[in-house]
Amino acid sequence: MSFLGMWCLVPMKADAITQYTPDLRPAVEEEAAHPSSRDLLRWWQEVGSTEESRHRFVESAAPSALDERICLVYEAWEHGRDESLPYLVVSSRNSYPAAAMAFALGPERFAHLPGWIGDIILTPDQVRQSLPAIERAFSWSTQSRRQAERLLAAALRDEGEQADIDALLDGVPPVWRAAAEADRGLLGTHFIP
């Protein structure tokens, strides 16, 4: 059976973040705090991003905390998206872009990301405060970028196009920076439409 996995990271007006946070953030926090999520992170920190750990990590990380609330996420994006700012949308057949990105980052870099595997809802202050950590997490040497690209391609099951890989490895900091500079929040989710 074929499916399309998507991840979107969208700058949001502050009032929309305020309006939708009570309905969306608890789901993300609950998923991150769930014992199976904590066990997954502990295991991943021990074994790292390897060929042997890829399938278990990506499949375990794939279910989205916001997937069950996707209609509310669509509503929030429709009413609160700042259309003047860049945003990120990545889709991949038969894979989960946000989980694949996390796997490619590895557990050490991933630890700097807020939310849970691409699911985030942040106020403008939280966006500004987290920007330095995001920039560090996505800072690459030639060798580390090549390694992350290899891991990401494998985690996307070779279904991701080069533009998708580049967007996942290089596109997050510019969106984050634009939101911070414009005093906007961020709403990100990974889901199956």
Protein backbone atom coordinates (compact mmCIF):
# COMPACT_ATOMS: atom_id res chain seq x y z
CA MET A 1 0.00 0.00 0.00
CA SER A 2 1.38 3.38 -0.98
CA PHE A 3 1.10 6.58 1.07
CA LEU A 4 2.42 10.11 1.02
CA GLY A 5 4.23 11.41 4.07
CA MET A 6 4.43 15.19 4.53
CA TRP A 7 6.14 17.66 6.81
CA CYS A 8 5.28 21.35 6.89
CA LEU A 9 6.93 24.14 8.88
CA VAL A 10 4.92 27.36 8.70
CA PRO A 11 5.47 30.84 10.22
CA MET A 12 2.34 31.90 12.07
CA LYS A 13 0.90 35.15 13.37
CA ALA A 14 1.19 35.41 17.14
CA ASP A 15 -2.58 35.58 17.73
CA ALA A 16 -3.09 32.32 15.83
CA ILE A 17 -0.40 30.61 17.92
CA THR A 18 -2.17 31.85 21.05
CA GLN A 19 -5.52 30.60 19.75
CA TYR A 20 -4.41 27.12 18.70
CA THR A 21 -1.76 26.32 21.33
CA PRO A 22 -4.24 25.02 23.95
CA ASP A 23 -5.57 22.44 21.48
CA LEU A 24 -2.31 21.43 19.78
CA ARG A 25 0.64 21.74 22.17
CA PRO A 26 -0.64 19.22 24.76
CA ALA A 27 -0.73 16.51 22.06
CA VAL A 28 2.90 17.20 21.12
CA GLU A 29 4.03 17.29 24.75
CA GLU A 30 2.12 14.09 25.53
CA GLU A 31 3.73 12.29 22.59
CA ALA A 32 7.22 13.46 23.59
CA ALA A 33 6.67 12.40 27.22
CA HIS A 34 5.08 9.04 26.39
CA PRO A 35 7.16 6.12 27.74
CA SER A 36 7.54 4.59 24.28
CA SER A 37 8.88 7.91 22.94
CA ARG A 38 11.32 8.25 25.82
CA ASP A 39 12.42 4.63 25.32
CA LEU A 40 12.94 5.29 21.61
CA LEU A 41 15.15 8.30 22.34
CA ARG A 42 17.21 6.42 24.96
CA TRP A 43 17.74 3.51 22.57
CA TRP A 44 18.61 5.84 19.68
CA GLN A 45 21.12 7.75 21.84
CA GLU A 46 22.82 4.44 22.59
CA VAL A 47 22.93 3.05 19.04
CA GLY A 48 22.93 6.24 16.93
CA SER A 49 21.81 6.60 13.33
CA THR A 50 23.02 3.42 11.69
CA GLU A 51 21.79 1.21 8.88
CA GLU A 52 20.66 -1.29 11.53
CA SER A 53 18.69 1.29 13.54
CA ARG A 54 17.11 3.15 10.62
CA HIS A 55 13.95 1.12 10.10
CA ARG A 56 13.06 0.85 13.79
CA PHE A 57 13.67 4.56 14.41
CA VAL A 58 11.80 5.90 11.38
CA GLU A 59 8.82 3.59 11.83
CA SER A 60 8.60 4.29 15.58
CA ALA A 61 9.01 8.06 15.14
CA ALA A 62 6.62 8.33 12.21
CA PRO A 63 3.19 8.49 13.85
CA SER A 64 2.44 12.14 14.35
CA ALA A 65 1.02 13.65 17.50
CA LEU A 66 -0.83 16.18 15.36
CA ASP A 67 -1.92 13.75 12.64
CA GLU A 68 -5.15 13.07 14.54
CA ARG A 69 -5.75 16.83 14.75
CA ILE A 70 -4.84 17.61 11.16
CA CYS A 71 -8.14 19.38 10.42
CA LEU A 72 -7.38 21.78 13.26
CA VAL A 73 -3.81 22.24 11.94
CA TYR A 74 -5.20 23.04 8.47
CA GLU A 75 -7.56 25.56 10.06
CA ALA A 76 -4.70 27.16 11.99
CA TRP A 77 -2.55 27.40 8.85
CA GLU A 78 -5.44 28.88 6.88
CA HIS A 79 -6.23 31.54 9.49
CA GLY A 80 -2.79 32.29 10.87
CA ARG A 81 -0.12 31.68 8.26
CA ASP A 82 2.03 34.68 7.45
CA GLU A 83 2.00 34.44 3.67
CA SER A 84 4.78 37.00 3.31
CA LEU A 85 7.34 34.63 4.86
CA PRO A 86 9.01 31.48 3.50
CA TYR A 87 7.71 28.14 4.68
CA LEU A 88 8.77 24.54 4.21
CA VAL A 89 6.70 21.73 2.71
CA VAL A 90 8.30 18.37 1.98
CA SER A 91 6.47 15.28 0.80
CA SER A 92 7.77 11.82 0.06
CA ARG A 93 6.08 8.68 -1.17
CA ASN A 94 6.10 5.79 1.31
CA SER A 95 8.23 7.59 3.89
CA TYR A 96 8.04 10.14 6.67
CA PRO A 97 10.10 13.29 5.96
CA ALA A 98 10.30 14.64 9.53
CA ALA A 99 11.29 11.28 11.00
CA ALA A 100 13.83 10.82 8.21
CA MET A 101 15.25 14.29 8.90
CA ALA A 102 15.56 13.54 12.62
CA PHE A 103 17.35 10.28 11.81
CA ALA A 104 19.76 12.11 9.47
CA LEU A 105 20.48 14.75 12.12
CA GLY A 106 21.31 12.05 14.64
CA PRO A 107 20.47 12.01 18.34
CA GLU A 108 22.96 14.71 19.37
CA ARG A 109 21.75 17.33 16.86
CA PHE A 110 18.13 16.25 17.28
CA ALA A 111 18.30 17.02 21.00
CA HIS A 112 18.39 20.75 20.12
CA LEU A 113 15.04 20.68 18.29
CA PRO A 114 11.87 21.66 20.16
CA GLY A 115 8.67 19.65 19.90
CA TRP A 116 8.51 16.04 18.83
CA ILE A 117 9.82 14.79 15.47
CA GLY A 118 8.69 17.80 13.45
CA ASP A 119 5.56 18.52 15.45
CA ILE A 120 5.95 21.96 17.03
CA ILE A 121 3.91 24.95 18.03
CA LEU A 122 6.04 27.86 19.21
CA THR A 123 5.34 31.43 20.22
CA PRO A 124 7.41 34.23 18.68
CA ASP A 125 9.54 34.39 21.86
CA GLN A 126 10.19 30.64 21.71
CA VAL A 127 11.17 30.92 18.04
CA ARG A 128 13.70 33.66 18.83
CA GLN A 129 15.09 31.81 21.85
CA SER A 130 15.51 28.54 19.97
CA LEU A 131 17.04 30.02 16.79
CA PRO A 132 20.70 29.66 17.90
CA ALA A 133 20.14 25.97 18.74
CA ILE A 134 18.46 25.39 15.38
CA GLU A 135 21.33 27.06 13.55
CA ARG A 136 23.83 24.84 15.44
CA ALA A 137 21.81 21.67 14.75
CA PHE A 138 21.77 22.42 11.00
CA SER A 139 25.37 23.65 10.71
CA TRP A 140 27.28 21.31 8.42
CA SER A 141 30.84 20.62 7.45
CA THR A 142 31.28 19.09 3.99
CA GLN A 143 31.71 15.65 5.54
CA SER A 144 28.82 15.89 8.02
CA ARG A 145 26.49 17.20 5.28
CA ARG A 146 27.42 14.31 2.99
CA GLN A 147 26.82 11.81 5.82
CA ALA A 148 23.46 13.38 6.72
CA GLU A 149 22.43 13.34 3.06
CA ARG A 150 23.27 9.63 2.81
CA LEU A 151 21.31 8.83 5.99
CA LEU A 152 18.37 10.96 4.86
CA ALA A 153 18.20 9.33 1.43
CA ALA A 154 18.16 5.90 3.06
CA ALA A 155 15.53 6.93 5.61
CA LEU A 156 13.37 8.28 2.77
CA ARG A 157 13.71 4.83 1.19
CA ASP A 158 15.32 6.48 -1.83
CA GLU A 159 11.93 8.06 -2.62
CA GLY A 160 13.05 11.59 -1.78
CA GLU A 161 14.23 13.83 -4.58
CA GLN A 162 17.39 15.91 -4.17
CA ALA A 163 15.25 19.03 -3.67
CA ASP A 164 13.51 17.31 -0.72
CA ILE A 165 16.82 16.29 0.81
CA ASP A 166 18.19 19.82 0.43
CA ALA A 167 15.02 21.31 1.93
CA LEU A 168 15.18 19.04 4.97
CA LEU A 169 18.89 19.58 5.62
CA ASP A 170 19.17 23.27 4.68
CA GLY A 171 15.66 24.76 4.68
CA VAL A 172 14.80 24.82 8.38
CA PRO A 173 17.14 27.63 9.56
CA PRO A 174 15.99 30.17 6.91
CA VAL A 175 12.32 29.59 7.78
CA TRP A 176 13.11 29.79 11.50
CA ARG A 177 15.21 32.94 11.04
CA ALA A 178 12.51 34.64 8.95
CA ALA A 179 9.90 33.86 11.61
CA ALA A 180 12.17 35.17 14.38
CA GLU A 181 12.93 38.39 12.50
CA ALA A 182 9.24 39.00 11.75
CA ASP A 183 8.12 38.25 15.33
CA ARG A 184 6.16 35.19 14.24
CA GLY A 185 5.54 31.81 15.78
CA LEU A 186 5.95 28.45 14.05
CA LEU A 187 3.58 25.54 13.53
CA GLY A 188 5.06 22.35 12.16
CA THR A 189 3.56 18.94 11.72
CA HIS A 190 4.25 15.70 9.93
CA PHE A 191 1.29 13.74 8.70
CA ILE A 192 -0.25 11.57 6.04
CA PRO A 193 -2.85 13.61 4.10
